[in-house]
PDB file of N, CA and C in Angstrom:
ATOM      1  N   MET A   1      -9.861  -9.391   8.036  1.00  0.00           N
ATOM      2  CA  MET A   1      -9.873  -8.628   6.805  1.00  0.00           C
ATOM      3  C   MET A   1      -8.694  -7.659   6.801  1.00  0.00           C
ATOM      4  N   THR A   2      -7.947  -7.674   5.742  1.00  0.00           N
ATOM      5  CA  THR A   2      -6.828  -6.767   5.587  1.00  0.00           C
ATOM      6  C   THR A   2      -7.349  -5.400   5.192  1.00  0.00           C
ATOM      7  N   ARG A   3      -6.713  -4.384   5.758  1.00  0.00           N
ATOM      8  CA  ARG A   3      -7.146  -3.008   5.541  1.00  0.00           C
ATOM      9  C   ARG A   3      -6.053  -2.260   4.775  1.00  0.00           C
ATOM     10  N   PHE A   4      -6.462  -1.466   3.794  1.00  0.00           N
ATOM     11  CA  PHE A   4      -5.514  -0.746   2.955  1.00  0.00           C
ATOM     12  C   PHE A   4      -5.776   0.747   2.971  1.00  0.00           C
ATOM     13  N   LEU A   5      -4.708   1.499   2.711  1.00  0.00           N
ATOM     14  CA  LEU A   5      -4.769   2.939   2.530  1.00  0.00           C
ATOM     15  C   LEU A   5      -4.072   3.251   1.215  1.00  0.00           C
ATOM     16  N   LEU A   6      -4.821   3.806   0.263  1.00  0.00           N
ATOM     17  CA  LEU A   6      -4.256   4.170  -1.028  1.00  0.00           C
ATOM     18  C   LEU A   6      -3.703   5.583  -0.942  1.00  0.00           C
ATOM     19  N   ASP A   7      -2.480   5.748  -1.410  1.00  0.00           N
ATOM     20  CA  ASP A   7      -1.782   7.023  -1.341  1.00  0.00           C
ATOM     21  C   ASP A   7      -2.243   7.965  -2.449  1.00  0.00           C
ATOM     22  N   GLN A   8      -1.910   9.238  -2.261  1.00  0.00           N
ATOM     23  CA  GLN A   8      -2.160  10.255  -3.282  1.00  0.00           C
ATOM     24  C   GLN A   8      -1.441   9.832  -4.556  1.00  0.00           C
ATOM     25  N   GLY A   9      -1.990  10.126  -5.688  1.00  0.00           N
ATOM     26  CA  GLY A   9      -1.404   9.700  -6.956  1.00  0.00           C
ATOM     27  C   GLY A   9      -2.060   8.451  -7.502  1.00  0.00           C
ATOM     28  N   LEU A  10      -2.737   7.724  -6.629  1.00  0.00           N
ATOM     29  CA  LEU A  10      -3.527   6.567  -7.063  1.00  0.00           C
ATOM     30  C   LEU A  10      -4.982   7.012  -7.169  1.00  0.00           C
ATOM     31  N   PRO A  11      -5.702   6.463  -8.135  1.00  0.00           N
ATOM     32  CA  PRO A  11      -7.084   6.929  -8.333  1.00  0.00           C
ATOM     33  C   PRO A  11      -7.999   6.577  -7.156  1.00  0.00           C
ATOM     34  N   ARG A  12      -8.729   7.587  -6.729  1.00  0.00           N
ATOM     35  CA  ARG A  12      -9.691   7.401  -5.645  1.00  0.00           C
ATOM     36  C   ARG A  12     -10.753   6.376  -6.007  1.00  0.00           C
ATOM     37  N   SER A  13     -11.063   6.302  -7.287  1.00  0.00           N
ATOM     38  CA  SER A  13     -12.092   5.363  -7.735  1.00  0.00           C
ATOM     39  C   SER A  13     -11.705   3.917  -7.455  1.00  0.00           C
ATOM     40  N   ALA A  14     -10.404   3.622  -7.375  1.00  0.00           N
ATOM     41  CA  ALA A  14      -9.963   2.255  -7.077  1.00  0.00           C
ATOM     42  C   ALA A  14     -10.427   1.834  -5.688  1.00  0.00           C
ATOM     43  N   ALA A  15     -10.417   2.761  -4.738  1.00  0.00           N
ATOM     44  CA  ALA A  15     -10.883   2.437  -3.387  1.00  0.00           C
ATOM     45  C   ALA A  15     -12.358   2.041  -3.419  1.00  0.00           C
ATOM     46  N   ALA A  16     -13.147   2.787  -4.156  1.00  0.00           N
ATOM     47  CA  ALA A  16     -14.578   2.478  -4.251  1.00  0.00           C
ATOM     48  C   ALA A  16     -14.804   1.126  -4.916  1.00  0.00           C
ATOM     49  N   ILE A  17     -14.054   0.844  -5.968  1.00  0.00           N
ATOM     50  CA  ILE A  17     -14.194  -0.436  -6.675  1.00  0.00           C
ATOM     51  C   ILE A  17     -13.811  -1.593  -5.758  1.00  0.00           C
ATOM     52  N   LEU A  18     -12.699  -1.449  -5.035  1.00  0.00           N
ATOM     53  CA  LEU A  18     -12.262  -2.515  -4.125  1.00  0.00           C
ATOM     54  C   LEU A  18     -13.243  -2.700  -2.965  1.00  0.00           C
ATOM     55  N   ARG A  19     -13.842  -1.617  -2.504  1.00  0.00           N
ATOM     56  CA  ARG A  19     -14.852  -1.750  -1.442  1.00  0.00           C
ATOM     57  C   ARG A  19     -16.042  -2.571  -1.928  1.00  0.00           C
ATOM     58  N   THR A  20     -16.444  -2.402  -3.187  1.00  0.00           N
ATOM     59  CA  THR A  20     -17.567  -3.204  -3.693  1.00  0.00           C
ATOM     60  C   THR A  20     -17.189  -4.674  -3.796  1.00  0.00           C
ATOM     61  N   ALA A  21     -15.873  -4.953  -3.849  1.00  0.00           N
ATOM     62  CA  ALA A  21     -15.403  -6.342  -3.867  1.00  0.00           C
ATOM     63  C   ALA A  21     -15.206  -6.880  -2.446  1.00  0.00           C
ATOM     64  N   GLY A  22     -15.570  -6.081  -1.444  1.00  0.00           N
ATOM     65  CA  GLY A  22     -15.497  -6.540  -0.056  1.00  0.00           C
ATOM     66  C   GLY A  22     -14.234  -6.142   0.681  1.00  0.00           C
ATOM     67  N   TRP A  23     -13.394  -5.325   0.085  1.00  0.00           N
ATOM     68  CA  TRP A  23     -12.148  -4.901   0.727  1.00  0.00           C
ATOM     69  C   TRP A  23     -12.405  -3.698   1.633  1.00  0.00           C
ATOM     70  N   ASP A  24     -11.586  -3.574   2.675  1.00  0.00           N
ATOM     71  CA  ASP A  24     -11.611  -2.414   3.560  1.00  0.00           C
ATOM     72  C   ASP A  24     -10.501  -1.473   3.084  1.00  0.00           C
ATOM     73  N   VAL A  25     -10.869  -0.493   2.260  1.00  0.00           N
ATOM     74  CA  VAL A  25      -9.900   0.384   1.607  1.00  0.00           C
ATOM     75  C   VAL A  25     -10.331   1.836   1.762  1.00  0.00           C
ATOM     76  N   LEU A  26      -9.360   2.675   2.105  1.00  0.00           N
ATOM     77  CA  LEU A  26      -9.557   4.116   2.105  1.00  0.00           C
ATOM     78  C   LEU A  26      -8.513   4.751   1.204  1.00  0.00           C
ATOM     79  N   HIS A  27      -8.828   5.892   0.658  1.00  0.00           N
ATOM     80  CA  HIS A  27      -7.861   6.704  -0.077  1.00  0.00           C
ATOM     81  C   HIS A  27      -7.474   7.855   0.854  1.00  0.00           C
ATOM     82  N   VAL A  28      -6.207   8.287   0.804  1.00  0.00           N
ATOM     83  CA  VAL A  28      -5.775   9.368   1.698  1.00  0.00           C
ATOM     84  C   VAL A  28      -6.657  10.604   1.563  1.00  0.00           C
ATOM     85  N   GLY A  29      -7.209  10.825   0.375  1.00  0.00           N
ATOM     86  CA  GLY A  29      -8.096  11.963   0.159  1.00  0.00           C
ATOM     87  C   GLY A  29      -9.434  11.834   0.868  1.00  0.00           C
ATOM     88  N   GLU A  30      -9.787  10.640   1.281  1.00  0.00           N
ATOM     89  CA  GLU A  30     -11.061  10.406   1.976  1.00  0.00           C
ATOM     90  C   GLU A  30     -10.936  10.550   3.487  1.00  0.00           C
ATOM     91  N   CYS A  31      -9.707  10.614   3.972  1.00  0.00           N
ATOM     92  CA  CYS A  31      -9.534  10.640   5.433  1.00  0.00           C
ATOM     93  C   CYS A  31      -8.629  11.777   5.895  1.00  0.00           C
ATOM     94  N   GLY A  32      -8.565  12.846   5.103  1.00  0.00           N
ATOM     95  CA  GLY A  32      -7.840  14.038   5.532  1.00  0.00           C
ATOM     96  C   GLY A  32      -6.325  13.954   5.448  1.00  0.00           C
ATOM     97  N   LEU A  33      -5.801  13.008   4.686  1.00  0.00           N
ATOM     98  CA  LEU A  33      -4.347  12.840   4.598  1.00  0.00           C
ATOM     99  C   LEU A  33      -3.783  13.181   3.219  1.00  0.00           C
ATOM    100  N   ALA A  34      -4.581  13.831   2.368  1.00  0.00           N
ATOM    101  CA  ALA A  34      -4.171  14.082   0.987  1.00  0.00           C
ATOM    102  C   ALA A  34      -2.881  14.886   0.895  1.00  0.00           C
ATOM    103  N   THR A  35      -2.654  15.798   1.818  1.00  0.00           N
ATOM    104  CA  THR A  35      -1.445  16.627   1.772  1.00  0.00           C
ATOM    105  C   THR A  35      -0.472  16.302   2.903  1.00  0.00           C
ATOM    106  N   ALA A  36      -0.706  15.210   3.602  1.00  0.00           N
ATOM    107  CA  ALA A  36       0.140  14.837   4.743  1.00  0.00           C
ATOM    108  C   ALA A  36       1.509  14.345   4.277  1.00  0.00           C
ATOM    109  N   ALA A  37       2.501  14.547   5.118  1.00  0.00           N
ATOM    110  CA  ALA A  37       3.841  14.032   4.854  1.00  0.00           C
ATOM    111  C   ALA A  37       3.809  12.509   4.882  1.00  0.00           C
ATOM    112  N   ASP A  38       4.711  11.905   4.130  1.00  0.00           N
ATOM    113  CA  ASP A  38       4.763  10.436   4.072  1.00  0.00           C
ATOM    114  C   ASP A  38       4.910   9.822   5.457  1.00  0.00           C
ATOM    115  N   SER A  39       5.724  10.420   6.309  1.00  0.00           N
ATOM    116  CA  SER A  39       5.914   9.879   7.655  1.00  0.00           C
ATOM    117  C   SER A  39       4.612   9.913   8.451  1.00  0.00           C
ATOM    118  N   HIS A  40       3.811  10.944   8.245  1.00  0.00           N
ATOM    119  CA  HIS A  40       2.515  11.037   8.934  1.00  0.00           C
ATOM    120  C   HIS A  40       1.547   9.979   8.403  1.00  0.00           C
ATOM    121  N   ILE A  41       1.586   9.736   7.096  1.00  0.00           N
ATOM    122  CA  ILE A  41       0.729   8.699   6.495  1.00  0.00           C
ATOM    123  C   ILE A  41       1.124   7.325   7.033  1.00  0.00           C
ATOM    124  N   LEU A  42       2.431   7.074   7.164  1.00  0.00           N
ATOM    125  CA  LEU A  42       2.903   5.806   7.752  1.00  0.00           C
ATOM    126  C   LEU A  42       2.367   5.646   9.173  1.00  0.00           C
ATOM    127  N   ASP A  43       2.489   6.702   9.973  1.00  0.00           N
ATOM    128  CA  ASP A  43       2.006   6.644  11.356  1.00  0.00           C
ATOM    129  C   ASP A  43       0.500   6.412  11.413  1.00  0.00           C
ATOM    130  N   ALA A  44      -0.239   7.104  10.540  1.00  0.00           N
ATOM    131  CA  ALA A  44      -1.700   6.951  10.526  1.00  0.00           C
ATOM    132  C   ALA A  44      -2.088   5.531  10.121  1.00  0.00           C
ATOM    133  N   ALA A  45      -1.411   4.995   9.109  1.00  0.00           N
ATOM    134  CA  ALA A  45      -1.708   3.624   8.671  1.00  0.00           C
ATOM    135  C   ALA A  45      -1.389   2.629   9.782  1.00  0.00           C
ATOM    136  N   ARG A  46      -0.261   2.828  10.439  1.00  0.00           N
ATOM    137  CA  ARG A  46       0.145   1.925  11.529  1.00  0.00           C
ATOM    138  C   ARG A  46      -0.888   1.955  12.655  1.00  0.00           C
ATOM    139  N   SER A  47      -1.316   3.148  13.043  1.00  0.00           N
ATOM    140  CA  SER A  47      -2.253   3.231  14.165  1.00  0.00           C
ATOM    141  C   SER A  47      -3.652   2.733  13.801  1.00  0.00           C
ATOM    142  N   ASP A  48      -3.983   2.769  12.506  1.00  0.00           N
ATOM    143  CA  ASP A  48      -5.304   2.311  12.061  1.00  0.00           C
ATOM    144  C   ASP A  48      -5.276   0.868  11.560  1.00  0.00           C
ATOM    145  N   GLY A  49      -4.099   0.208  11.611  1.00  0.00           N
ATOM    146  CA  GLY A  49      -4.006  -1.183  11.168  1.00  0.00           C
ATOM    147  C   GLY A  49      -4.178  -1.352   9.675  1.00  0.00           C
ATOM    148  N   ARG A  50      -3.692  -0.378   8.907  1.00  0.00           N
ATOM    149  CA  ARG A  50      -3.809  -0.432   7.446  1.00  0.00           C
ATOM    150  C   ARG A  50      -2.446  -0.613   6.804  1.00  0.00           C
ATOM    151  N   HIS A  51      -2.442  -1.199   5.610  1.00  0.00           N
ATOM    152  CA  HIS A  51      -1.248  -1.310   4.785  1.00  0.00           C
ATOM    153  C   HIS A  51      -1.357  -0.280   3.680  1.00  0.00           C
ATOM    154  N   ILE A  52      -0.236   0.264   3.262  1.00  0.00           N
ATOM    155  CA  ILE A  52      -0.229   1.354   2.283  1.00  0.00           C
ATOM    156  C   ILE A  52       0.032   0.812   0.887  1.00  0.00           C
ATOM    157  N   VAL A  53      -0.684   1.354  -0.083  1.00  0.00           N
ATOM    158  CA  VAL A  53      -0.424   1.104  -1.502  1.00  0.00           C
ATOM    159  C   VAL A  53      -0.053   2.454  -2.098  1.00  0.00           C
ATOM    160  N   THR A  54       1.097   2.525  -2.776  1.00  0.00           N
ATOM    161  CA  THR A  54       1.630   3.802  -3.220  1.00  0.00           C
ATOM    162  C   THR A  54       2.440   3.671  -4.504  1.00  0.00           C
ATOM    163  N   LEU A  55       2.707   4.814  -5.117  1.00  0.00           N
ATOM    164  CA  LEU A  55       3.654   4.900  -6.231  1.00  0.00           C
ATOM    165  C   LEU A  55       5.006   5.414  -5.734  1.00  0.00           C
ATOM    166  N   ASP A  56       5.053   5.862  -4.501  1.00  0.00           N
ATOM    167  CA  ASP A  56       6.159   6.615  -3.925  1.00  0.00           C
ATOM    168  C   ASP A  56       7.209   5.725  -3.257  1.00  0.00           C
ATOM    169  N   ALA A  57       8.461   5.806  -3.738  1.00  0.00           N
ATOM    170  CA  ALA A  57       9.563   5.017  -3.175  1.00  0.00           C
ATOM    171  C   ALA A  57       9.945   5.471  -1.766  1.00  0.00           C
ATOM    172  N   ASP A  58       9.574   6.699  -1.397  1.00  0.00           N
ATOM    173  CA  ASP A  58       9.954   7.218  -0.081  1.00  0.00           C
ATOM    174  C   ASP A  58       9.400   6.377   1.069  1.00  0.00           C
ATOM    175  N   PHE A  59       8.244   5.779   0.877  1.00  0.00           N
ATOM    176  CA  PHE A  59       7.667   4.961   1.949  1.00  0.00           C
ATOM    177  C   PHE A  59       8.588   3.788   2.295  1.00  0.00           C
ATOM    178  N   HIS A  60       9.143   3.134   1.301  1.00  0.00           N
ATOM    179  CA  HIS A  60      10.059   2.025   1.563  1.00  0.00           C
ATOM    180  C   HIS A  60      11.299   2.520   2.288  1.00  0.00           C
ATOM    181  N   SER A  61      11.823   3.649   1.880  1.00  0.00           N
ATOM    182  CA  SER A  61      13.012   4.210   2.533  1.00  0.00           C
ATOM    183  C   SER A  61      12.725   4.536   3.991  1.00  0.00           C
ATOM    184  N   LEU A  62      11.628   5.223   4.247  1.00  0.00           N
ATOM    185  CA  LEU A  62      11.268   5.576   5.623  1.00  0.00           C
ATOM    186  C   LEU A  62      11.065   4.333   6.475  1.00  0.00           C
ATOM    187  N   LEU A  63      10.411   3.344   5.924  1.00  0.00           N
ATOM    188  CA  LEU A  63      10.141   2.116   6.657  1.00  0.00           C
ATOM    189  C   LEU A  63      11.422   1.346   6.947  1.00  0.00           C
ATOM    190  N   ALA A  64      12.316   1.297   5.980  1.00  0.00           N
ATOM    191  CA  ALA A  64      13.578   0.560   6.146  1.00  0.00           C
ATOM    192  C   ALA A  64      14.427   1.151   7.269  1.00  0.00           C
ATOM    193  N   VAL A  65      14.528   2.467   7.335  1.00  0.00           N
ATOM    194  CA  VAL A  65      15.374   3.076   8.367  1.00  0.00           C
ATOM    195  C   VAL A  65      14.692   3.144   9.723  1.00  0.00           C
ATOM    196  N   SER A  66      13.368   2.994   9.749  1.00  0.00           N
ATOM    197  CA  SER A  66      12.638   3.088  11.018  1.00  0.00           C
ATOM    198  C   SER A  66      12.837   1.866  11.908  1.00  0.00           C
ATOM    199  N   GLY A  67      13.107   0.712  11.285  1.00  0.00           N
ATOM    200  CA  GLY A  67      13.206  -0.520  12.059  1.00  0.00           C
ATOM    201  C   GLY A  67      11.857  -1.100  12.444  1.00  0.00           C
ATOM    202  N   GLU A  68      10.783  -0.494  11.981  1.00  0.00           N
ATOM    203  CA  GLU A  68       9.423  -0.946  12.296  1.00  0.00           C
ATOM    204  C   GLU A  68       9.048  -2.156  11.440  1.00  0.00           C
ATOM    205  N   ALA A  69       8.129  -2.953  11.953  1.00  0.00           N
ATOM    206  CA  ALA A  69       7.649  -4.136  11.223  1.00  0.00           C
ATOM    207  C   ALA A  69       6.291  -3.901  10.574  1.00  0.00           C
ATOM    208  N   ALA A  70       5.767  -2.688  10.722  1.00  0.00           N
ATOM    209  CA  ALA A  70       4.466  -2.353  10.141  1.00  0.00           C
ATOM    210  C   ALA A  70       4.418  -0.845   9.925  1.00  0.00           C
ATOM    211  N   PRO A  71       3.601  -0.386   9.025  1.00  0.00           N
ATOM    212  CA  PRO A  71       2.705  -1.145   8.166  1.00  0.00           C
ATOM    213  C   PRO A  71       3.434  -1.699   6.956  1.00  0.00           C
ATOM    214  N   SER A  72       2.857  -2.696   6.341  1.00  0.00           N
ATOM    215  CA  SER A  72       3.397  -3.151   5.063  1.00  0.00           C
ATOM    216  C   SER A  72       3.109  -2.077   4.019  1.00  0.00           C
ATOM    217  N   VAL A  73       4.002  -1.989   3.035  1.00  0.00           N
ATOM    218  CA  VAL A  73       3.839  -1.016   1.953  1.00  0.00           C
ATOM    219  C   VAL A  73       3.971  -1.740   0.629  1.00  0.00           C
ATOM    220  N   VAL A  74       2.977  -1.559  -0.225  1.00  0.00           N
ATOM    221  CA  VAL A  74       3.001  -2.106  -1.576  1.00  0.00           C
ATOM    222  C   VAL A  74       3.273  -0.934  -2.512  1.00  0.00           C
ATOM    223  N   ARG A  75       4.472  -0.938  -3.116  1.00  0.00           N
ATOM    224  CA  ARG A  75       4.843   0.123  -4.045  1.00  0.00           C
ATOM    225  C   ARG A  75       4.615  -0.361  -5.469  1.00  0.00           C
ATOM    226  N   LEU A  76       3.814   0.389  -6.192  1.00  0.00           N
ATOM    227  CA  LEU A  76       3.534   0.063  -7.585  1.00  0.00           C
ATOM    228  C   LEU A  76       4.468   0.891  -8.465  1.00  0.00           C
ATOM    229  N   ARG A  77       5.227   0.219  -9.295  1.00  0.00           N
ATOM    230  CA  ARG A  77       6.104   0.924 -10.231  1.00  0.00           C
ATOM    231  C   ARG A  77       5.452   0.934 -11.605  1.00  0.00           C
ATOM    232  N   MET A  78       4.209   1.387 -11.614  1.00  0.00           N
ATOM    233  CA  MET A  78       3.399   1.469 -12.827  1.00  0.00           C
ATOM    234  C   MET A  78       2.573   2.736 -12.735  1.00  0.00           C
ATOM    235  N   GLU A  79       2.920   3.723 -13.491  1.00  0.00           N
ATOM    236  CA  GLU A  79       2.192   4.987 -13.473  1.00  0.00           C
ATOM    237  C   GLU A  79       1.015   4.938 -14.445  1.00  0.00           C
ATOM    238  N   GLY A  80       0.058   5.810 -14.224  1.00  0.00           N
ATOM    239  CA  GLY A  80      -1.050   5.977 -15.146  1.00  0.00           C
ATOM    240  C   GLY A  80      -2.147   4.945 -15.054  1.00  0.00           C
ATOM    241  N   LEU A  81      -2.180   4.172 -13.958  1.00  0.00           N
ATOM    242  CA  LEU A  81      -3.249   3.185 -13.804  1.00  0.00           C
ATOM    243  C   LEU A  81      -4.578   3.885 -13.536  1.00  0.00           C
ATOM    244  N   LYS A  82      -5.590   3.485 -14.235  1.00  0.00           N
ATOM    245  CA  LYS A  82      -6.952   3.957 -13.973  1.00  0.00           C
ATOM    246  C   LYS A  82      -7.502   3.164 -12.789  1.00  0.00           C
ATOM    247  N   GLY A  83      -8.595   3.646 -12.211  1.00  0.00           N
ATOM    248  CA  GLY A  83      -9.166   3.004 -11.029  1.00  0.00           C
ATOM    249  C   GLY A  83      -9.477   1.540 -11.216  1.00  0.00           C
ATOM    250  N   ASP A  84     -10.108   1.193 -12.334  1.00  0.00           N
ATOM    251  CA  ASP A  84     -10.456  -0.213 -12.547  1.00  0.00           C
ATOM    252  C   ASP A  84      -9.210  -1.059 -12.802  1.00  0.00           C
ATOM    253  N   ASP A  85      -8.189  -0.481 -13.453  1.00  0.00           N
ATOM    254  CA  ASP A  85      -6.937  -1.220 -13.671  1.00  0.00           C
ATOM    255  C   ASP A  85      -6.224  -1.503 -12.349  1.00  0.00           C
ATOM    256  N   LEU A  86      -6.194  -0.505 -11.477  1.00  0.00           N
ATOM    257  CA  LEU A  86      -5.559  -0.680 -10.173  1.00  0.00           C
ATOM    258  C   LEU A  86      -6.308  -1.719  -9.347  1.00  0.00           C
ATOM    259  N   ALA A  87      -7.627  -1.641  -9.345  1.00  0.00           N
ATOM    260  CA  ALA A  87      -8.419  -2.615  -8.589  1.00  0.00           C
ATOM    261  C   ALA A  87      -8.187  -4.024  -9.114  1.00  0.00           C
ATOM    262  N   THR A  88      -8.183  -4.183 -10.420  1.00  0.00           N
ATOM    263  CA  THR A  88      -7.934  -5.506 -11.019  1.00  0.00           C
ATOM    264  C   THR A  88      -6.543  -6.011 -10.650  1.00  0.00           C
ATOM    265  N   LEU A  89      -5.555  -5.128 -10.707  1.00  0.00           N
ATOM    266  CA  LEU A  89      -4.190  -5.508 -10.331  1.00  0.00           C
ATOM    267  C   LEU A  89      -4.134  -5.989  -8.883  1.00  0.00           C
ATOM    268  N   MET A  90      -4.739  -5.238  -7.972  1.00  0.00           N
ATOM    269  CA  MET A  90      -4.715  -5.615  -6.560  1.00  0.00           C
ATOM    270  C   MET A  90      -5.446  -6.937  -6.322  1.00  0.00           C
ATOM    271  N   LEU A  91      -6.566  -7.135  -6.988  1.00  0.00           N
ATOM    272  CA  LEU A  91      -7.309  -8.389  -6.827  1.00  0.00           C
ATOM    273  C   LEU A  91      -6.502  -9.589  -7.324  1.00  0.00           C
ATOM    274  N   ARG A  92      -5.772  -9.416  -8.418  1.00  0.00           N
ATOM    275  CA  ARG A  92      -4.934 -10.500  -8.950  1.00  0.00           C
ATOM    276  C   ARG A  92      -3.685 -10.708  -8.111  1.00  0.00           C
ATOM    277  N   LEU A  93      -3.122  -9.622  -7.616  1.00  0.00           N
ATOM    278  CA  LEU A  93      -1.867  -9.668  -6.878  1.00  0.00           C
ATOM    279  C   LEU A  93      -2.038 -10.213  -5.462  1.00  0.00           C
ATOM    280  N   TRP A  94      -3.169  -9.903  -4.842  1.00  0.00           N
ATOM    281  CA  TRP A  94      -3.361 -10.194  -3.424  1.00  0.00           C
ATOM    282  C   TRP A  94      -3.068 -11.646  -3.035  1.00  0.00           C
ATOM    283  N   PRO A  95      -3.531 -12.662  -3.752  1.00  0.00           N
ATOM    284  CA  PRO A  95      -3.224 -14.037  -3.339  1.00  0.00           C
ATOM    285  C   PRO A  95      -1.715 -14.332  -3.311  1.00  0.00           C
ATOM    286  N   LYS A  96      -0.938 -13.632  -4.122  1.00  0.00           N
ATOM    287  CA  LYS A  96       0.505 -13.872  -4.184  1.00  0.00           C
ATOM    288  C   LYS A  96       1.273 -13.187  -3.064  1.00  0.00           C
ATOM    289  N   ILE A  97       0.688 -12.143  -2.463  1.00  0.00           N
ATOM    290  CA  ILE A  97       1.428 -11.376  -1.454  1.00  0.00           C
ATOM    291  C   ILE A  97       0.771 -11.375  -0.079  1.00  0.00           C
ATOM    292  N   THR A  98      -0.335 -12.057   0.066  1.00  0.00           N
ATOM    293  CA  THR A  98      -1.102 -12.051   1.317  1.00  0.00           C
ATOM    294  C   THR A  98      -0.254 -12.367   2.536  1.00  0.00           C
ATOM    295  N   VAL A  99       0.468 -13.463   2.493  1.00  0.00           N
ATOM    296  CA  VAL A  99       1.245 -13.902   3.648  1.00  0.00           C
ATOM    297  C   VAL A  99       2.308 -12.875   4.000  1.00  0.00           C
ATOM    298  N   ALA A 100       3.019 -12.386   2.995  1.00  0.00           N
ATOM    299  CA  ALA A 100       4.090 -11.411   3.237  1.00  0.00           C
ATOM    300  C   ALA A 100       3.536 -10.117   3.823  1.00  0.00           C
ATOM    301  N   VAL A 101       2.480  -9.589   3.216  1.00  0.00           N
ATOM    302  CA  VAL A 101       1.909  -8.331   3.692  1.00  0.00           C
ATOM    303  C   VAL A 101       1.344  -8.494   5.097  1.00  0.00           C
ATOM    304  N   SER A 102       0.695  -9.593   5.356  1.00  0.00           N
ATOM    305  CA  SER A 102       0.120  -9.831   6.683  1.00  0.00           C
ATOM    306  C   SER A 102       1.194  -9.924   7.761  1.00  0.00           C
ATOM    307  N   GLY A 103       2.392 -10.386   7.388  1.00  0.00           N
ATOM    308  CA  GLY A 103       3.483 -10.519   8.341  1.00  0.00           C
ATOM    309  C   GLY A 103       4.409  -9.326   8.400  1.00  0.00           C
ATOM    310  N   GLY A 104       4.213  -8.341   7.541  1.00  0.00           N
ATOM    311  CA  GLY A 104       5.063  -7.157   7.505  1.00  0.00           C
ATOM    312  C   GLY A 104       6.057  -7.241   6.370  1.00  0.00           C
ATOM    313  N   ALA A 105       5.858  -6.431   5.329  1.00  0.00           N
ATOM    314  CA  ALA A 105       6.742  -6.501   4.161  1.00  0.00           C
ATOM    315  C   ALA A 105       6.720  -5.204   3.366  1.00  0.00           C
ATOM    316  N   MET A 106       7.797  -5.014   2.626  1.00  0.00           N
ATOM    317  CA  MET A 106       7.860  -3.986   1.605  1.00  0.00           C
ATOM    318  C   MET A 106       7.768  -4.739   0.287  1.00  0.00           C
ATOM    319  N   VAL A 107       6.725  -4.466  -0.461  1.00  0.00           N
ATOM    320  CA  VAL A 107       6.472  -5.157  -1.729  1.00  0.00           C
ATOM    321  C   VAL A 107       6.641  -4.151  -2.856  1.00  0.00           C
ATOM    322  N   THR A 108       7.391  -4.543  -3.872  1.00  0.00           N
ATOM    323  CA  THR A 108       7.540  -3.710  -5.067  1.00  0.00           C
ATOM    324  C   THR A 108       6.952  -4.480  -6.232  1.00  0.00           C
ATOM    325  N   VAL A 109       6.006  -3.850  -6.917  1.00  0.00           N
ATOM    326  CA  VAL A 109       5.304  -4.486  -8.037  1.00  0.00           C
ATOM    327  C   VAL A 109       5.698  -3.772  -9.326  1.00  0.00           C
ATOM    328  N   MET A 110       6.258  -4.537 -10.247  1.00  0.00           N
ATOM    329  CA  MET A 110       6.613  -4.036 -11.570  1.00  0.00           C
ATOM    330  C   MET A 110       5.866  -4.885 -12.581  1.00  0.00           C
ATOM    331  N   ARG A 111       5.806  -4.421 -13.795  1.00  0.00           N
ATOM    332  CA  ARG A 111       5.174  -5.239 -14.830  1.00  0.00           C
ATOM    333  C   ARG A 111       5.963  -6.530 -14.960  1.00  0.00           C
ATOM    334  N   GLY A 112       5.339  -7.657 -14.673  1.00  0.00           N
ATOM    335  CA  GLY A 112       5.970  -8.956 -14.827  1.00  0.00           C
ATOM    336  C   GLY A 112       6.823  -9.421 -13.663  1.00  0.00           C
ATOM    337  N   ALA A 113       6.901  -8.643 -12.571  1.00  0.00           N
ATOM    338  CA  ALA A 113       7.737  -9.064 -11.438  1.00  0.00           C
ATOM    339  C   ALA A 113       7.221  -8.459 -10.134  1.00  0.00           C
ATOM    340  N   VAL A 114       7.444  -9.204  -9.052  1.00  0.00           N
ATOM    341  CA  VAL A 114       7.113  -8.742  -7.703  1.00  0.00           C
ATOM    342  C   VAL A 114       8.295  -9.057  -6.809  1.00  0.00           C
ATOM    343  N   ARG A 115       8.771  -8.047  -6.073  1.00  0.00           N
ATOM    344  CA  ARG A 115       9.843  -8.243  -5.090  1.00  0.00           C
ATOM    345  C   ARG A 115       9.280  -8.025  -3.701  1.00  0.00           C
ATOM    346  N   ILE A 116       9.699  -8.894  -2.777  1.00  0.00           N
ATOM    347  CA  ILE A 116       9.210  -8.802  -1.402  1.00  0.00           C
ATOM    348  C   ILE A 116      10.399  -8.773  -0.455  1.00  0.00           C
ATOM    349  N   LYS A 117      10.399  -7.791   0.447  1.00  0.00           N
ATOM    350  CA  LYS A 117      11.409  -7.689   1.497  1.00  0.00           C
ATOM    351  C   LYS A 117      10.672  -7.693   2.824  1.00  0.00           C
ATOM    352  N   ARG A 118      10.975  -8.672   3.648  1.00  0.00           N
ATOM    353  CA  ARG A 118      10.306  -8.806   4.947  1.00  0.00           C
ATOM    354  C   ARG A 118      10.729  -7.679   5.909  1.00  0.00           C
ATOM    355  N   LEU A 119       9.814  -7.332   6.789  1.00  0.00           N
ATOM    356  CA  LEU A 119      10.065  -6.331   7.820  1.00  0.00           C
ATOM    357  C   LEU A 119      10.209  -6.991   9.177  1.00  0.00           C
ATOM    358  N   PRO A 120      10.954  -6.390  10.078  1.00  0.00           N
ATOM    359  CA  PRO A 120      11.768  -5.198   9.886  1.00  0.00           C
ATOM    360  C   PRO A 120      13.011  -5.502   9.042  1.00  0.00           C
ATOM    361  N   VAL A 121      13.532  -4.455   8.407  1.00  0.00           N
ATOM    362  CA  VAL A 121      14.740  -4.604   7.597  1.00  0.00           C
ATOM    363  C   VAL A 121      15.925  -4.754   8.539  1.00  0.00           C
ATOM    364  N   GLU A 122      16.706  -5.809   8.331  1.00  0.00           N
ATOM    365  CA  GLU A 122      17.887  -6.059   9.163  1.00  0.00           C
ATOM    366  C   GLU A 122      18.984  -5.077   8.809  1.00  0.00           C
ATOM    367  N   ARG A 123      19.655  -4.578   9.816  1.00  0.00           N
ATOM    368  CA  ARG A 123      20.768  -3.652   9.571  1.00  0.00           C
ATOM    369  C   ARG A 123      22.072  -4.375   9.649  1.00  0.00           C
TER     370      ARG A 123
END
């Protein structure tokens, strides 16, 4: 089972909705990371075997320069998603990105497009 960590700025209700669908999902606000620095959230996700879902481009930047192959980060370039909209998006998106995320990737999701960059980023 793939494990996810939803970043601040994403609705906490999405984690609850995805859990009812059988997903292992936490929101940073549920595990004491609501005000943590992005680098600390990356470290926490890596040590807990979770992939991050975020609106924040900084996670991709930090991951790219780190040379690390995990955690995978799914960046959503769609603001204002409600909890049920985010859950529906993740449920629809997951079959398309499963292999990449499981192997280590930076995924960028835009309306109508998905970009995937495998990890670690080659220099």
